[in-house]
Amino acid sequence: MIKPKPTKTETRDEIALQVEEFLQRQGKIEQVKMGDSGLVDGKYHTNHIGFNEPKQTRTPLNHVVAEIQNRKKPQKMKKRPTKKVIYDDFGEPIRWYWEE
């Protein structure tokens, strides 16, 4: 039997209970200003942002994109020849031929 997922109300109640237990064990909740948690020494941590290098020139590849788009277009299927039978007046096969 599959265990049902908890509803949003049950999840909220569980989080509220965990916060209450934390506060009962002498835990303390600090209020911080919006955006302070992303600051390092009072400044935003910008080492991970990749805007330090100069802008690189791009190589135009329009001809490659056009070639890929052309390959995606449906190709006209060549009709395969089919084998046909010629019957005599009595329904017996006389010969076979290929019709295109």
N, C-alpha and C. Protein backbone atom coordinates (compact mmCIF):
# COMPACT_ATOMS: atom_id res chain seq x y z
N MET A 1 0.85 -1.18 0.00
CA MET A 1 0.00 0.00 0.00
C MET A 1 0.89 1.24 0.00
N ILE A 2 0.55 2.21 -0.81
CA ILE A 2 1.33 3.43 -0.93
C ILE A 2 0.90 4.41 0.15
N LYS A 3 1.90 4.97 0.82
CA LYS A 3 1.62 5.94 1.86
C LYS A 3 1.26 7.28 1.19
N PRO A 4 0.13 7.89 1.56
CA PRO A 4 -0.25 9.15 0.91
C PRO A 4 0.67 10.29 1.31
N LYS A 5 0.83 11.25 0.38
CA LYS A 5 1.66 12.42 0.66
C LYS A 5 0.95 13.29 1.68
N PRO A 6 1.72 13.92 2.59
CA PRO A 6 1.07 14.80 3.55
C PRO A 6 0.52 16.04 2.85
N THR A 7 -0.60 16.53 3.35
CA THR A 7 -1.20 17.72 2.77
C THR A 7 -0.43 18.96 3.22
N LYS A 8 -0.71 20.10 2.61
CA LYS A 8 -0.04 21.34 2.99
C LYS A 8 -0.34 21.69 4.44
N THR A 9 -1.56 21.46 4.86
CA THR A 9 -1.94 21.76 6.24
C THR A 9 -1.13 20.90 7.21
N GLU A 10 -0.99 19.62 6.89
CA GLU A 10 -0.21 18.73 7.77
C GLU A 10 1.25 19.16 7.80
N THR A 11 1.80 19.58 6.66
CA THR A 11 3.19 20.04 6.61
C THR A 11 3.37 21.31 7.44
N ARG A 12 2.43 22.26 7.30
CA ARG A 12 2.50 23.49 8.10
C ARG A 12 2.44 23.19 9.59
N ASP A 13 1.52 22.28 9.98
CA ASP A 13 1.39 21.91 11.39
C ASP A 13 2.67 21.27 11.92
N GLU A 14 3.30 20.43 11.11
CA GLU A 14 4.55 19.78 11.52
C GLU A 14 5.67 20.80 11.71
N ILE A 15 5.77 21.78 10.79
CA ILE A 15 6.80 22.81 10.91
C ILE A 15 6.54 23.66 12.15
N ALA A 16 5.26 24.02 12.39
CA ALA A 16 4.92 24.81 13.58
C ALA A 16 5.27 24.05 14.85
N LEU A 17 5.05 22.75 14.86
CA LEU A 17 5.39 21.93 16.02
C LEU A 17 6.89 21.89 16.24
N GLN A 18 7.66 21.76 15.17
CA GLN A 18 9.13 21.74 15.29
C GLN A 18 9.65 23.08 15.81
N VAL A 19 9.07 24.19 15.35
CA VAL A 19 9.49 25.51 15.84
C VAL A 19 9.17 25.63 17.31
N GLU A 20 7.98 25.18 17.71
CA GLU A 20 7.57 25.24 19.12
C GLU A 20 8.51 24.41 20.00
N GLU A 21 8.89 23.21 19.55
CA GLU A 21 9.83 22.37 20.31
C GLU A 21 11.19 23.05 20.41
N PHE A 22 11.64 23.70 19.33
CA PHE A 22 12.92 24.41 19.35
C PHE A 22 12.90 25.53 20.38
N LEU A 23 11.80 26.29 20.44
CA LEU A 23 11.70 27.39 21.39
C LEU A 23 11.60 26.88 22.83
N GLN A 24 10.99 25.74 23.04
CA GLN A 24 10.87 25.17 24.39
C GLN A 24 12.22 24.68 24.92
N ARG A 25 13.13 24.34 24.02
CA ARG A 25 14.47 23.89 24.44
C ARG A 25 15.42 25.08 24.53
N GLN A 26 14.89 26.26 24.80
CA GLN A 26 15.66 27.49 24.96
C GLN A 26 16.30 27.94 23.65
N GLY A 27 15.72 27.58 22.55
CA GLY A 27 16.21 28.05 21.26
C GLY A 27 15.81 29.50 21.07
N LYS A 28 16.56 30.20 20.23
CA LYS A 28 16.29 31.61 20.02
C LYS A 28 16.20 31.87 18.52
N ILE A 29 15.20 32.64 18.11
CA ILE A 29 15.03 32.99 16.71
C ILE A 29 15.43 34.44 16.55
N GLU A 30 16.36 34.71 15.64
CA GLU A 30 16.82 36.07 15.38
C GLU A 30 16.11 36.62 14.16
N GLN A 31 15.69 37.87 14.26
CA GLN A 31 15.08 38.55 13.12
C GLN A 31 16.18 39.31 12.39
N VAL A 32 16.29 39.14 11.09
CA VAL A 32 17.29 39.85 10.30
C VAL A 32 16.59 40.65 9.22
N LYS A 33 17.25 41.71 8.76
CA LYS A 33 16.68 42.51 7.68
C LYS A 33 16.72 41.72 6.37
N MET A 34 15.78 42.05 5.50
CA MET A 34 15.71 41.37 4.21
C MET A 34 17.00 41.61 3.43
N GLY A 35 17.60 40.54 2.91
CA GLY A 35 18.82 40.64 2.12
C GLY A 35 20.08 40.46 2.92
N ASP A 36 20.01 40.53 4.27
CA ASP A 36 21.21 40.40 5.09
C ASP A 36 21.83 39.01 5.02
N SER A 37 21.01 37.99 4.81
CA SER A 37 21.55 36.63 4.80
C SER A 37 22.43 36.39 3.58
N GLY A 38 22.29 37.19 2.53
CA GLY A 38 23.11 37.03 1.34
C GLY A 38 24.37 37.88 1.36
N LEU A 39 24.61 38.58 2.46
CA LEU A 39 25.77 39.47 2.53
C LEU A 39 26.95 38.79 3.20
N VAL A 40 28.16 39.10 2.73
CA VAL A 40 29.39 38.63 3.36
C VAL A 40 30.18 39.88 3.71
N ASP A 41 30.41 40.10 5.00
CA ASP A 41 31.08 41.31 5.50
C ASP A 41 30.36 42.57 5.02
N GLY A 42 29.04 42.53 5.02
CA GLY A 42 28.26 43.69 4.63
C GLY A 42 28.15 43.91 3.14
N LYS A 43 28.72 43.04 2.33
CA LYS A 43 28.66 43.18 0.87
C LYS A 43 28.14 41.88 0.27
N TYR A 44 27.59 42.00 -0.90
CA TYR A 44 27.16 40.79 -1.59
C TYR A 44 28.38 40.00 -2.05
N HIS A 45 28.28 38.68 -1.97
CA HIS A 45 29.37 37.79 -2.38
C HIS A 45 29.34 37.69 -3.90
N THR A 46 30.27 38.37 -4.58
CA THR A 46 30.25 38.44 -6.05
C THR A 46 31.33 37.60 -6.72
N ASN A 47 32.06 36.80 -5.98
CA ASN A 47 33.11 36.00 -6.60
C ASN A 47 32.55 34.95 -7.56
N HIS A 48 31.36 34.50 -7.31
CA HIS A 48 30.78 33.46 -8.16
C HIS A 48 30.12 34.03 -9.41
N ILE A 49 29.93 35.32 -9.48
CA ILE A 49 29.30 35.93 -10.64
C ILE A 49 30.33 36.06 -11.75
N GLY A 50 29.98 35.64 -12.97
CA GLY A 50 30.94 35.58 -14.06
C GLY A 50 30.98 36.82 -14.92
N PHE A 51 30.77 38.01 -14.37
CA PHE A 51 30.79 39.22 -15.16
C PHE A 51 32.13 39.94 -15.09
N ASN A 52 33.15 39.29 -14.57
CA ASN A 52 34.45 39.93 -14.41
C ASN A 52 35.25 39.94 -15.71
N GLU A 53 34.99 38.97 -16.60
CA GLU A 53 35.74 38.88 -17.85
C GLU A 53 35.11 39.78 -18.92
N PRO A 54 35.90 40.23 -19.88
CA PRO A 54 35.33 41.04 -20.96
C PRO A 54 34.41 40.19 -21.84
N LYS A 55 33.51 40.86 -22.54
CA LYS A 55 32.56 40.17 -23.41
C LYS A 55 33.31 39.49 -24.56
N GLN A 56 32.98 38.23 -24.81
CA GLN A 56 33.63 37.49 -25.88
C GLN A 56 32.84 37.65 -27.17
N THR A 57 33.54 37.66 -28.28
CA THR A 57 32.85 37.75 -29.57
C THR A 57 32.30 36.37 -29.92
N ARG A 58 31.18 36.38 -30.58
CA ARG A 58 30.52 35.13 -30.95
C ARG A 58 30.79 34.82 -32.41
N THR A 59 30.87 33.54 -32.73
CA THR A 59 31.07 33.10 -34.10
C THR A 59 29.69 32.84 -34.71
N PRO A 60 29.31 33.56 -35.77
CA PRO A 60 27.99 33.31 -36.36
C PRO A 60 27.94 31.93 -37.01
N LEU A 61 26.90 31.20 -36.69
CA LEU A 61 26.73 29.84 -37.22
C LEU A 61 25.39 29.70 -37.92
N ASN A 62 24.97 30.77 -38.60
CA ASN A 62 23.66 30.75 -39.25
C ASN A 62 23.57 29.65 -40.30
N HIS A 63 24.65 29.40 -41.04
CA HIS A 63 24.61 28.37 -42.07
C HIS A 63 24.45 26.97 -41.45
N VAL A 64 25.02 26.76 -40.26
CA VAL A 64 24.88 25.46 -39.60
C VAL A 64 23.44 25.28 -39.12
N VAL A 65 22.87 26.34 -38.55
CA VAL A 65 21.49 26.26 -38.08
C VAL A 65 20.54 26.00 -39.25
N ALA A 66 20.78 26.68 -40.38
CA ALA A 66 19.93 26.48 -41.56
C ALA A 66 20.03 25.05 -42.06
N GLU A 67 21.23 24.49 -42.03
CA GLU A 67 21.40 23.10 -42.49
C GLU A 67 20.66 22.12 -41.58
N ILE A 68 20.71 22.36 -40.27
CA ILE A 68 19.99 21.50 -39.32
C ILE A 68 18.49 21.62 -39.54
N GLN A 69 17.99 22.85 -39.76
CA GLN A 69 16.57 23.04 -39.99
C GLN A 69 16.13 22.33 -41.27
N ASN A 70 16.96 22.36 -42.30
CA ASN A 70 16.61 21.66 -43.55
C ASN A 70 16.55 20.16 -43.35
N ARG A 71 17.40 19.62 -42.48
CA ARG A 71 17.37 18.18 -42.22
C ARG A 71 16.10 17.79 -41.48
N LYS A 72 15.54 18.72 -40.71
CA LYS A 72 14.33 18.41 -39.95
C LYS A 72 13.09 18.36 -40.82
N LYS A 73 13.13 19.01 -42.00
CA LYS A 73 11.98 19.02 -42.88
C LYS A 73 11.71 17.59 -43.36
N PRO A 74 10.43 17.24 -43.49
CA PRO A 74 10.13 15.87 -43.95
C PRO A 74 10.59 15.68 -45.39
N GLN A 75 11.28 14.61 -45.61
CA GLN A 75 11.77 14.29 -46.94
C GLN A 75 10.64 13.65 -47.74
N LYS A 76 10.60 13.93 -49.04
CA LYS A 76 9.61 13.28 -49.89
C LYS A 76 9.99 11.83 -50.02
N MET A 77 9.06 10.98 -49.67
CA MET A 77 9.32 9.55 -49.74
C MET A 77 9.19 9.09 -51.19
N LYS A 78 10.18 8.37 -51.64
CA LYS A 78 10.10 7.80 -52.97
C LYS A 78 9.15 6.62 -52.90
N LYS A 79 8.24 6.59 -53.84
CA LYS A 79 7.27 5.51 -53.86
C LYS A 79 7.97 4.23 -54.31
N ARG A 80 7.84 3.21 -53.51
CA ARG A 80 8.48 1.94 -53.85
C ARG A 80 7.64 1.22 -54.90
N PRO A 81 8.31 0.55 -55.81
CA PRO A 81 7.54 -0.20 -56.81
C PRO A 81 6.78 -1.35 -56.14
N THR A 82 5.60 -1.64 -56.67
CA THR A 82 4.80 -2.74 -56.12
C THR A 82 4.70 -3.86 -57.15
N LYS A 83 4.61 -5.05 -56.65
CA LYS A 83 4.55 -6.22 -57.51
C LYS A 83 3.09 -6.49 -57.89
N LYS A 84 2.80 -6.56 -59.19
CA LYS A 84 1.45 -6.78 -59.69
C LYS A 84 1.39 -8.11 -60.44
N VAL A 85 0.20 -8.68 -60.47
CA VAL A 85 0.00 -9.97 -61.13
C VAL A 85 -0.98 -9.79 -62.30
N ILE A 86 -0.69 -10.43 -63.38
CA ILE A 86 -1.62 -10.47 -64.51
C ILE A 86 -2.24 -11.87 -64.52
N TYR A 87 -3.59 -11.87 -64.50
CA TYR A 87 -4.32 -13.15 -64.47
C TYR A 87 -4.94 -13.43 -65.84
N ASP A 88 -5.10 -14.70 -66.13
CA ASP A 88 -5.80 -15.06 -67.37
C ASP A 88 -7.31 -15.06 -67.10
N ASP A 89 -8.08 -15.47 -68.10
CA ASP A 89 -9.55 -15.44 -67.98
C ASP A 89 -10.07 -16.38 -66.91
N PHE A 90 -9.29 -17.37 -66.51
CA PHE A 90 -9.74 -18.35 -65.54
C PHE A 90 -9.22 -18.05 -64.13
N GLY A 91 -8.54 -16.91 -63.96
CA GLY A 91 -8.06 -16.50 -62.64
C GLY A 91 -6.70 -17.07 -62.28
N GLU A 92 -6.03 -17.66 -63.25
CA GLU A 92 -4.71 -18.21 -63.00
C GLU A 92 -3.67 -17.13 -63.28
N PRO A 93 -2.62 -17.00 -62.43
CA PRO A 93 -1.59 -15.99 -62.68
C PRO A 93 -0.78 -16.34 -63.91
N ILE A 94 -0.59 -15.36 -64.79
CA ILE A 94 0.21 -15.56 -65.99
C ILE A 94 1.63 -15.09 -65.75
N ARG A 95 1.75 -13.84 -65.26
CA ARG A 95 3.10 -13.31 -65.00
C ARG A 95 3.00 -12.19 -63.95
N TRP A 96 4.19 -11.83 -63.44
CA TRP A 96 4.32 -10.74 -62.47
C TRP A 96 5.03 -9.57 -63.14
N TYR A 97 4.70 -8.35 -62.70
CA TYR A 97 5.46 -7.19 -63.16
C TYR A 97 5.50 -6.16 -62.03
N TRP A 98 6.48 -5.29 -62.14
CA TRP A 98 6.64 -4.25 -61.12
C TRP A 98 6.05 -2.94 -61.61
N GLU A 99 5.18 -2.36 -60.78
CA GLU A 99 4.55 -1.09 -61.14
C GLU A 99 5.08 0.00 -60.22
N GLU A 100 5.47 1.12 -60.85
CA GLU A 100 6.02 2.22 -60.04
C GLU A 100 4.98 3.24 -59.72
